[in-house]
C-alpha atoms as a PDB file:
ATOM      1  CA  MET A   1     139.259 199.281  -1.817  1.00  0.00           C
ATOM      2  CA  LYS A   2     139.587 196.621   1.228  1.00  0.00           C
ATOM      3  CA  ARG A   3     137.824 198.742   3.634  1.00  0.00           C
ATOM      4  CA  LEU A   4     134.644 199.365   1.216  1.00  0.00           C
ATOM      5  CA  ALA A   5     134.643 195.579   0.325  1.00  0.00           C
ATOM      6  CA  LEU A   6     134.552 195.012   4.232  1.00  0.00           C
ATOM      7  CA  CYS A   7     131.876 197.397   4.685  1.00  0.00           C
ATOM      8  CA  TRP A   8     129.505 195.593   1.800  1.00  0.00           C
ATOM      9  CA  LEU A   9     130.312 192.278   2.980  1.00  0.00           C
ATOM     10  CA  LEU A  10     129.365 193.285   6.722  1.00  0.00           C
ATOM     11  CA  ALA A  11     125.916 194.905   5.415  1.00  0.00           C
ATOM     12  CA  VAL A  12     125.096 191.866   3.318  1.00  0.00           C
ATOM     13  CA  SER A  13     125.347 189.443   5.963  1.00  0.00           C
ATOM     14  CA  GLY A  14     123.793 192.013   8.164  1.00  0.00           C
ATOM     15  CA  CYS A  15     126.217 192.437  10.768  1.00  0.00           C
ATOM     16  CA  ALA A  16     126.998 195.845  12.267  1.00  0.00           C
ATOM     17  CA  SER A  17     130.551 197.155  11.225  1.00  0.00           C
ATOM     18  CA  THR A  18     131.055 199.126  14.647  1.00  0.00           C
ATOM     19  CA  LEU A  19     129.863 199.532  17.630  1.00  0.00           C
ATOM     20  CA  GLN A  20     126.930 202.457  18.109  1.00  0.00           C
ATOM     21  CA  TYR A  21     127.783 202.974  21.897  1.00  0.00           C
ATOM     22  CA  GLN A  22     130.693 203.190  24.246  1.00  0.00           C
ATOM     23  CA  GLN A  23     131.325 200.467  27.189  1.00  0.00           C
ATOM     24  CA  ASP A  24     130.895 202.993  30.064  1.00  0.00           C
ATOM     25  CA  GLU A  25     127.156 203.794  28.336  1.00  0.00           C
ATOM     26  CA  CYS A  26     126.250 200.436  28.981  1.00  0.00           C
ATOM     27  CA  PRO A  27     123.853 200.028  32.076  1.00  0.00           C
ATOM     28  CA  LEU A  28     124.053 198.273  35.344  1.00  0.00           C
ATOM     29  CA  TYR A  29     121.812 195.525  35.910  1.00  0.00           C
ATOM     30  CA  ASP A  30     121.321 195.664  39.819  1.00  0.00           C
ATOM     31  CA  SER A  31     118.024 194.383  40.443  1.00  0.00           C
ATOM     32  CA  LEU A  32     118.807 190.577  41.010  1.00  0.00           C
ATOM     33  CA  GLU A  33     118.521 189.356  44.556  1.00  0.00           C
ATOM     34  CA  PRO A  34     121.273 188.073  46.673  1.00  0.00           C
ATOM     35  CA  ILE A  35     121.834 184.730  45.413  1.00  0.00           C
ATOM     36  CA  ARG A  36     122.208 182.019  48.372  1.00  0.00           C
ATOM     37  CA  ALA A  37     123.874 178.797  48.216  1.00  0.00           C
ATOM     38  CA  ASN A  38     125.664 175.757  50.147  1.00  0.00           C
ATOM     39  CA  PRO A  39     129.351 175.202  48.885  1.00  0.00           C
ATOM     40  CA  ALA A  40     130.263 171.915  48.004  1.00  0.00           C
ATOM     41  CA  GLY A  41     130.649 169.506  50.661  1.00  0.00           C
ATOM     42  CA  ALA A  42     129.520 172.234  53.210  1.00  0.00           C
ATOM     43  CA  PRO A  43     125.946 171.330  54.108  1.00  0.00           C
ATOM     44  CA  ASP A  44     125.924 173.698  57.031  1.00  0.00           C
ATOM     45  CA  ARG A  45     127.692 176.658  55.615  1.00  0.00           C
ATOM     46  CA  HIS A  46     126.214 179.106  53.773  1.00  0.00           C
ATOM     47  CA  LEU A  47     127.567 181.356  50.859  1.00  0.00           C
ATOM     48  CA  GLN A  48     125.781 184.637  49.770  1.00  0.00           C
ATOM     49  CA  VAL A  49     126.717 186.667  46.865  1.00  0.00           C
ATOM     50  CA  GLN A  50     125.116 189.976  45.560  1.00  0.00           C
ATOM     51  CA  VAL A  51     126.252 190.411  42.080  1.00  0.00           C
ATOM     52  CA  VAL A  52     125.814 193.795  39.488  1.00  0.00           C
ATOM     53  CA  PHE A  53     125.972 193.354  35.608  1.00  0.00           C
ATOM     54  CA  ARG A  54     127.061 196.101  33.326  1.00  0.00           C
ATOM     55  CA  VAL A  55     125.491 194.918  29.947  1.00  0.00           C
ATOM     56  CA  CYS A  56     125.711 195.705  26.647  1.00  0.00           C
ATOM     57  CA  PRO A  57     124.376 196.728  24.167  1.00  0.00           C
ATOM     58  CA  PRO A  58     122.598 199.291  26.144  1.00  0.00           C
ATOM     59  CA  GLN A  59     119.118 198.688  25.694  1.00  0.00           C
ATOM     60  CA  VAL A  60     119.085 194.881  23.924  1.00  0.00           C
ATOM     61  CA  GLY A  61     121.597 193.788  27.007  1.00  0.00           C
ATOM     62  CA  LEU A  62     119.530 195.475  29.538  1.00  0.00           C
ATOM     63  CA  GLU A  63     115.942 194.078  28.029  1.00  0.00           C
ATOM     64  CA  GLU A  64     117.739 190.553  27.667  1.00  0.00           C
ATOM     65  CA  ILE A  65     118.993 190.010  30.945  1.00  0.00           C
ATOM     66  CA  GLN A  66     116.086 191.297  32.654  1.00  0.00           C
ATOM     67  CA  ARG A  67     113.789 188.897  30.995  1.00  0.00           C
ATOM     68  CA  LYS A  68     116.414 185.958  31.703  1.00  0.00           C
ATOM     69  CA  HIS A  69     116.500 186.874  35.420  1.00  0.00           C
ATOM     70  CA  ILE A  70     115.353 183.128  36.311  1.00  0.00           C
ATOM     71  CA  GLU A  71     118.029 181.609  34.057  1.00  0.00           C
ATOM     72  CA  LEU A  72     120.560 183.981  35.389  1.00  0.00           C
ATOM     73  CA  LYS A  73     119.603 183.261  39.017  1.00  0.00           C
ATOM     74  CA  HIS A  74     119.745 179.588  38.354  1.00  0.00           C
ATOM     75  CA  ALA A  75     123.171 179.445  36.520  1.00  0.00           C
ATOM     76  CA  LEU A  76     124.731 181.380  39.489  1.00  0.00           C
ATOM     77  CA  LEU A  77     123.183 179.184  41.971  1.00  0.00           C
ATOM     78  CA  ALA A  78     124.640 176.424  40.018  1.00  0.00           C
ATOM     79  CA  LEU A  79     127.943 177.967  39.937  1.00  0.00           C
ATOM     80  CA  LEU A  80     128.155 179.022  43.699  1.00  0.00           C
ATOM     81  CA  SER A  81     127.060 175.574  45.090  1.00  0.00           C
ATOM     82  CA  SER A  82     130.218 173.716  42.833  1.00  0.00           C
ATOM     83  CA  LYS A  83     132.583 175.900  45.099  1.00  0.00           C
ATOM     84  CA  ASP A  84     134.331 173.958  47.928  1.00  0.00           C
ATOM     85  CA  ALA A  85     136.003 175.490  50.856  1.00  0.00           C
ATOM     86  CA  GLN A  86     139.202 175.585  49.382  1.00  0.00           C
ATOM     87  CA  TYR A  87     138.100 177.812  46.977  1.00  0.00           C
ATOM     88  CA  LEU A  88     136.103 180.235  49.219  1.00  0.00           C
ATOM     89  CA  GLU A  89     139.253 180.367  51.420  1.00  0.00           C
ATOM     90  CA  ASP A  90     141.737 181.839  48.521  1.00  0.00           C
ATOM     91  CA  PRO A  91     142.257 185.364  48.950  1.00  0.00           C
ATOM     92  CA  LEU A  92     141.700 186.096  45.288  1.00  0.00           C
ATOM     93  CA  ARG A  93     138.060 184.220  45.317  1.00  0.00           C
ATOM     94  CA  VAL A  94     136.333 187.342  44.551  1.00  0.00           C
ATOM     95  CA  GLU A  95     138.332 188.194  41.764  1.00  0.00           C
ATOM     96  CA  LYS A  96     138.289 184.790  40.378  1.00  0.00           C
ATOM     97  CA  LEU A  97     134.577 184.714  40.781  1.00  0.00           C
ATOM     98  CA  GLN A  98     133.780 187.813  38.798  1.00  0.00           C
ATOM     99  CA  LYS A  99     135.888 186.179  36.122  1.00  0.00           C
ATOM    100  CA  GLU A 100     133.705 183.134  36.463  1.00  0.00           C
ATOM    101  CA  ILE A 101     130.512 184.611  36.586  1.00  0.00           C
ATOM    102  CA  LEU A 102     131.380 186.593  33.116  1.00  0.00           C
ATOM    103  CA  MET A 103     132.215 183.818  31.093  1.00  0.00           C
ATOM    104  CA  LEU A 104     129.192 181.758  32.654  1.00  0.00           C
ATOM    105  CA  VAL A 105     126.749 184.556  31.889  1.00  0.00           C
ATOM    106  CA  ASN A 106     128.043 184.955  28.186  1.00  0.00           C
ATOM    107  CA  GLN A 107     128.313 181.850  27.078  1.00  0.00           C
ATOM    108  CA  LYS A 108     125.186 180.329  28.685  1.00  0.00           C
ATOM    109  CA  VAL A 109     122.763 182.693  29.490  1.00  0.00           C
ATOM    110  CA  LEU A 110     122.770 185.662  26.893  1.00  0.00           C
ATOM    111  CA  LYS A 111     122.486 184.929  23.474  1.00  0.00           C
ATOM    112  CA  LYS A 112     121.892 188.996  21.745  1.00  0.00           C
ATOM    113  CA  GLY A 113     123.766 190.974  24.909  1.00  0.00           C
ATOM    114  CA  ARG A 114     126.457 190.276  26.578  1.00  0.00           C
ATOM    115  CA  VAL A 115     128.039 191.134  29.813  1.00  0.00           C
ATOM    116  CA  VAL A 116     131.114 193.288  30.027  1.00  0.00           C
ATOM    117  CA  GLU A 117     131.703 193.931  33.731  1.00  0.00           C
ATOM    118  CA  VAL A 118     130.625 191.992  36.819  1.00  0.00           C
ATOM    119  CA  LEU A 119     130.879 193.755  40.344  1.00  0.00           C
ATOM    120  CA  ILE A 120     130.174 191.918  43.328  1.00  0.00           C
ATOM    121  CA  THR A 121     128.956 194.203  46.145  1.00  0.00           C
ATOM    122  CA  GLY A 122     128.343 191.253  48.686  1.00  0.00           C
ATOM    123  CA  PHE A 123     130.190 188.201  49.631  1.00  0.00           C
ATOM    124  CA  GLU A 124     129.185 186.468  52.457  1.00  0.00           C
ATOM    125  CA  LEU A 125     130.373 182.888  53.953  1.00  0.00           C
ATOM    126  CA  GLN A 126     128.570 181.621  57.176  1.00  0.00           C
END
């Protein structure tokens, strides 16, 4: 009875009661060009990062991230520009950056879709 009431409530509110896809079915968005930024306090150094995103729901998420690629690039550039030398010398910098990018994109860029995985496929500090 509780399940029926919950289903009715979700139907009335317009929310889907269950996911209609598996996370591994969500596509990878790999069309974003590498992001190049000057780290904080180091105008003579450059950080270049290549990022790939797994976005869900499959079609809605991919369409939204493609449509918002300019906002995405801007947000990533701001994030990378805020990193200082101490952060960039941390052995776990890539793992930390993956988590920060995931939160950033889901909180500030995407509204209908969401990133479920961030893959950093290039990381170069010059």
